[in-house]
Amino acid sequence: MRILNLSYIFMNPIKELMKDISSNFILLGILTILFAILIIFLPDILTYTIAIMLLISGMSALYYGFRIKKSIRKSNKFWKKYFKELDEEEGEVK
């Protein structure tokens, strides 16, 4: 019989990453709305606004691309350790 150790669920490294990504999407949504309002009232700055939005999107994509890659490595180590401990516990119970 396997006993699920709940402390491992709360220490999952993917959970922190998903929280950061959702916060980033909220921030990007707010910035997009603000830029759209700015374009409506000042259509002359359309080119600069698009350039700024592309820079923000590019930096976010790079940042989270590297974060996801790092988090996948952490997650793999985490689950290997978790299943190794489960196997050890099963060995002790048998």
N, C-alpha and C. Protein backbone atom coordinates (compact mmCIF):
# COMPACT_ATOMS: atom_id res chain seq x y z
N MET A 1 0.84 -1.18 0.00
CA MET A 1 0.00 0.00 0.00
C MET A 1 0.89 1.24 0.00
N ARG A 2 0.62 2.14 -0.93
CA ARG A 2 1.43 3.36 -1.02
C ARG A 2 0.81 4.45 -0.17
N ILE A 3 1.65 5.13 0.58
CA ILE A 3 1.21 6.25 1.38
C ILE A 3 1.73 7.51 0.71
N LEU A 4 0.80 8.43 0.38
CA LEU A 4 1.17 9.65 -0.31
C LEU A 4 1.67 10.67 0.71
N ASN A 5 2.87 11.12 0.54
CA ASN A 5 3.44 12.11 1.42
C ASN A 5 3.04 13.49 0.91
N LEU A 6 2.15 14.18 1.62
CA LEU A 6 1.60 15.45 1.15
C LEU A 6 2.63 16.57 1.13
N SER A 7 3.68 16.47 1.91
CA SER A 7 4.69 17.53 1.90
C SER A 7 5.35 17.64 0.53
N TYR A 8 5.43 16.53 -0.21
CA TYR A 8 6.02 16.58 -1.55
C TYR A 8 5.13 17.34 -2.52
N ILE A 9 3.83 17.24 -2.36
CA ILE A 9 2.92 17.94 -3.27
C ILE A 9 3.10 19.44 -3.14
N PHE A 10 3.26 19.93 -1.91
CA PHE A 10 3.38 21.36 -1.71
C PHE A 10 4.77 21.89 -2.04
N MET A 11 5.75 21.02 -2.18
CA MET A 11 7.10 21.45 -2.52
C MET A 11 7.39 21.32 -4.02
N ASN A 12 6.38 21.01 -4.80
CA ASN A 12 6.56 20.80 -6.23
C ASN A 12 7.07 22.09 -6.89
N PRO A 13 8.20 22.06 -7.59
CA PRO A 13 8.76 23.27 -8.19
C PRO A 13 7.92 23.83 -9.33
N ILE A 14 7.09 23.03 -9.96
CA ILE A 14 6.25 23.52 -11.06
C ILE A 14 5.18 24.47 -10.54
N LYS A 15 4.73 24.25 -9.31
CA LYS A 15 3.66 25.08 -8.74
C LYS A 15 4.10 26.55 -8.68
N GLU A 16 5.32 26.81 -8.24
CA GLU A 16 5.84 28.18 -8.15
C GLU A 16 5.93 28.81 -9.54
N LEU A 17 6.38 28.04 -10.50
CA LEU A 17 6.51 28.55 -11.87
C LEU A 17 5.14 28.92 -12.44
N MET A 18 4.14 28.08 -12.23
CA MET A 18 2.81 28.36 -12.75
C MET A 18 2.21 29.61 -12.11
N LYS A 19 2.50 29.82 -10.83
CA LYS A 19 2.03 31.03 -10.16
C LYS A 19 2.67 32.27 -10.80
N ASP A 20 3.97 32.20 -11.08
CA ASP A 20 4.68 33.31 -11.73
C ASP A 20 4.14 33.57 -13.13
N ILE A 21 3.88 32.52 -13.88
CA ILE A 21 3.39 32.68 -15.25
C ILE A 21 2.00 33.31 -15.24
N SER A 22 1.13 32.88 -14.33
CA SER A 22 -0.21 33.46 -14.29
C SER A 22 -0.15 34.93 -13.89
N SER A 23 0.74 35.29 -12.97
CA SER A 23 0.91 36.70 -12.60
C SER A 23 1.42 37.50 -13.78
N ASN A 24 2.33 36.91 -14.56
CA ASN A 24 2.87 37.59 -15.73
C ASN A 24 1.78 37.83 -16.77
N PHE A 25 0.90 36.84 -16.99
CA PHE A 25 -0.19 37.02 -17.95
C PHE A 25 -1.14 38.13 -17.51
N ILE A 26 -1.41 38.23 -16.22
CA ILE A 26 -2.27 39.30 -15.72
C ILE A 26 -1.61 40.65 -15.97
N LEU A 27 -0.32 40.76 -15.68
CA LEU A 27 0.41 42.01 -15.91
C LEU A 27 0.43 42.37 -17.39
N LEU A 28 0.70 41.39 -18.26
CA LEU A 28 0.72 41.66 -19.70
C LEU A 28 -0.66 42.07 -20.20
N GLY A 29 -1.71 41.48 -19.65
CA GLY A 29 -3.07 41.87 -20.03
C GLY A 29 -3.37 43.31 -19.66
N ILE A 30 -2.98 43.71 -18.46
CA ILE A 30 -3.19 45.09 -18.03
C ILE A 30 -2.39 46.05 -18.90
N LEU A 31 -1.13 45.72 -19.17
CA LEU A 31 -0.31 46.58 -20.03
C LEU A 31 -0.88 46.69 -21.44
N THR A 32 -1.40 45.60 -21.98
CA THR A 32 -1.99 45.63 -23.32
C THR A 32 -3.20 46.55 -23.35
N ILE A 33 -4.04 46.47 -22.33
CA ILE A 33 -5.21 47.35 -22.27
C ILE A 33 -4.78 48.81 -22.16
N LEU A 34 -3.78 49.08 -21.32
CA LEU A 34 -3.29 50.46 -21.19
C LEU A 34 -2.69 50.99 -22.49
N PHE A 35 -1.93 50.15 -23.19
CA PHE A 35 -1.37 50.58 -24.47
C PHE A 35 -2.48 50.81 -25.49
N ALA A 36 -3.51 49.98 -25.48
CA ALA A 36 -4.63 50.17 -26.41
C ALA A 36 -5.34 51.49 -26.15
N ILE A 37 -5.55 51.82 -24.89
CA ILE A 37 -6.18 53.10 -24.54
C ILE A 37 -5.28 54.25 -24.97
N LEU A 38 -3.99 54.11 -24.77
CA LEU A 38 -3.04 55.15 -25.19
C LEU A 38 -3.08 55.36 -26.70
N ILE A 39 -3.17 54.28 -27.45
CA ILE A 39 -3.23 54.38 -28.92
C ILE A 39 -4.52 55.06 -29.37
N ILE A 40 -5.62 54.78 -28.67
CA ILE A 40 -6.89 55.41 -29.04
C ILE A 40 -6.80 56.92 -28.90
N PHE A 41 -6.21 57.39 -27.81
CA PHE A 41 -6.15 58.83 -27.58
C PHE A 41 -4.98 59.52 -28.27
N LEU A 42 -3.90 58.81 -28.51
CA LEU A 42 -2.72 59.38 -29.17
C LEU A 42 -2.27 58.46 -30.30
N PRO A 43 -2.95 58.48 -31.44
CA PRO A 43 -2.60 57.54 -32.52
C PRO A 43 -1.22 57.80 -33.15
N ASP A 44 -0.61 58.95 -32.88
CA ASP A 44 0.70 59.26 -33.45
C ASP A 44 1.82 58.40 -32.84
N ILE A 45 1.60 57.86 -31.67
CA ILE A 45 2.66 57.09 -31.02
C ILE A 45 2.49 55.59 -31.22
N LEU A 46 1.74 55.21 -32.23
CA LEU A 46 1.46 53.80 -32.49
C LEU A 46 2.75 52.98 -32.69
N THR A 47 3.69 53.50 -33.46
CA THR A 47 4.92 52.77 -33.74
C THR A 47 5.73 52.52 -32.47
N TYR A 48 5.86 53.54 -31.63
CA TYR A 48 6.62 53.38 -30.39
C TYR A 48 5.93 52.40 -29.44
N THR A 49 4.60 52.48 -29.40
CA THR A 49 3.86 51.58 -28.52
C THR A 49 4.02 50.13 -28.96
N ILE A 50 3.95 49.89 -30.26
CA ILE A 50 4.13 48.53 -30.77
C ILE A 50 5.55 48.03 -30.47
N ALA A 51 6.53 48.89 -30.63
CA ALA A 51 7.92 48.51 -30.34
C ALA A 51 8.08 48.15 -28.86
N ILE A 52 7.48 48.95 -27.99
CA ILE A 52 7.57 48.67 -26.55
C ILE A 52 6.89 47.35 -26.22
N MET A 53 5.72 47.11 -26.80
CA MET A 53 5.01 45.86 -26.52
C MET A 53 5.79 44.65 -27.03
N LEU A 54 6.42 44.78 -28.20
CA LEU A 54 7.22 43.67 -28.71
C LEU A 54 8.44 43.40 -27.82
N LEU A 55 9.06 44.47 -27.32
CA LEU A 55 10.18 44.29 -26.40
C LEU A 55 9.75 43.58 -25.12
N ILE A 56 8.62 44.02 -24.56
CA ILE A 56 8.12 43.39 -23.33
C ILE A 56 7.79 41.92 -23.58
N SER A 57 7.13 41.64 -24.69
CA SER A 57 6.77 40.25 -25.01
C SER A 57 8.01 39.39 -25.23
N GLY A 58 9.00 39.92 -25.93
CA GLY A 58 10.23 39.18 -26.18
C GLY A 58 10.99 38.88 -24.90
N MET A 59 11.10 39.88 -24.02
CA MET A 59 11.79 39.66 -22.75
C MET A 59 11.05 38.65 -21.88
N SER A 60 9.72 38.73 -21.87
CA SER A 60 8.93 37.77 -21.08
C SER A 60 9.11 36.36 -21.62
N ALA A 61 9.09 36.22 -22.94
CA ALA A 61 9.25 34.90 -23.55
C ALA A 61 10.62 34.30 -23.21
N LEU A 62 11.67 35.11 -23.29
CA LEU A 62 13.00 34.62 -22.94
C LEU A 62 13.09 34.24 -21.47
N TYR A 63 12.60 35.11 -20.62
CA TYR A 63 12.66 34.88 -19.18
C TYR A 63 11.95 33.58 -18.81
N TYR A 64 10.72 33.44 -19.29
CA TYR A 64 9.96 32.25 -18.92
C TYR A 64 10.43 31.01 -19.67
N GLY A 65 11.03 31.17 -20.82
CA GLY A 65 11.63 30.03 -21.49
C GLY A 65 12.75 29.44 -20.66
N PHE A 66 13.61 30.31 -20.14
CA PHE A 66 14.70 29.84 -19.29
C PHE A 66 14.17 29.30 -17.96
N ARG A 67 13.15 29.96 -17.39
CA ARG A 67 12.57 29.49 -16.13
C ARG A 67 11.95 28.11 -16.29
N ILE A 68 11.23 27.89 -17.40
CA ILE A 68 10.59 26.59 -17.62
C ILE A 68 11.65 25.50 -17.78
N LYS A 69 12.70 25.81 -18.52
CA LYS A 69 13.78 24.82 -18.71
C LYS A 69 14.40 24.45 -17.36
N LYS A 70 14.67 25.45 -16.53
CA LYS A 70 15.25 25.22 -15.21
C LYS A 70 14.27 24.45 -14.32
N SER A 71 13.00 24.81 -14.41
CA SER A 71 11.99 24.16 -13.58
C SER A 71 11.78 22.70 -13.98
N ILE A 72 11.90 22.40 -15.26
CA ILE A 72 11.77 21.01 -15.71
C ILE A 72 12.89 20.17 -15.11
N ARG A 73 14.10 20.71 -15.09
CA ARG A 73 15.22 19.98 -14.48
C ARG A 73 14.96 19.75 -12.99
N LYS A 74 14.48 20.81 -12.30
CA LYS A 74 14.18 20.68 -10.87
C LYS A 74 13.09 19.64 -10.65
N SER A 75 12.08 19.69 -11.50
CA SER A 75 10.95 18.77 -11.37
C SER A 75 11.39 17.32 -11.57
N ASN A 76 12.25 17.09 -12.55
CA ASN A 76 12.74 15.73 -12.78
C ASN A 76 13.50 15.20 -11.56
N LYS A 77 14.35 16.04 -10.97
CA LYS A 77 15.07 15.64 -9.76
C LYS A 77 14.10 15.37 -8.61
N PHE A 78 13.10 16.25 -8.49
CA PHE A 78 12.10 16.12 -7.43
C PHE A 78 11.36 14.79 -7.52
N TRP A 79 10.87 14.46 -8.73
CA TRP A 79 10.08 13.23 -8.87
C TRP A 79 10.95 11.99 -8.75
N LYS A 80 12.21 12.05 -9.19
CA LYS A 80 13.11 10.90 -9.01
C LYS A 80 13.31 10.63 -7.52
N LYS A 81 13.53 11.70 -6.77
CA LYS A 81 13.73 11.56 -5.32
C LYS A 81 12.45 11.03 -4.67
N TYR A 82 11.30 11.55 -5.09
CA TYR A 82 10.02 11.14 -4.52
C TYR A 82 9.76 9.65 -4.75
N PHE A 83 9.93 9.20 -5.99
CA PHE A 83 9.66 7.80 -6.28
C PHE A 83 10.72 6.88 -5.67
N LYS A 84 11.93 7.38 -5.52
CA LYS A 84 12.96 6.58 -4.86
C LYS A 84 12.58 6.34 -3.40
N GLU A 85 12.08 7.40 -2.73
CA GLU A 85 11.66 7.25 -1.34
C GLU A 85 10.44 6.34 -1.23
N LEU A 86 9.53 6.42 -2.20
CA LEU A 86 8.36 5.53 -2.19
C LEU A 86 8.80 4.08 -2.32
N ASP A 87 9.74 3.83 -3.22
CA ASP A 87 10.24 2.46 -3.40
C ASP A 87 10.93 1.96 -2.13
N GLU A 88 11.67 2.83 -1.46
CA GLU A 88 12.34 2.44 -0.22
C GLU A 88 11.32 2.12 0.86
N GLU A 89 10.24 2.94 0.94
CA GLU A 89 9.19 2.68 1.93
C GLU A 89 8.49 1.36 1.64
N GLU A 90 8.24 1.06 0.37
CA GLU A 90 7.61 -0.20 0.01
C GLU A 90 8.50 -1.38 0.39
N GLY A 91 9.79 -1.21 0.21
CA GLY A 91 10.73 -2.26 0.57
C GLY A 91 10.73 -2.54 2.06
N GLU A 92 10.57 -1.48 2.87
CA GLU A 92 10.54 -1.65 4.32
C GLU A 92 9.24 -2.30 4.78
N VAL A 93 8.12 -1.98 4.10
CA VAL A 93 6.82 -2.51 4.49
C VAL A 93 6.72 -4.00 4.18
N LYS A 94 7.31 -4.43 3.06
CA LYS A 94 7.21 -5.84 2.64
C LYS A 94 7.95 -6.75 3.52
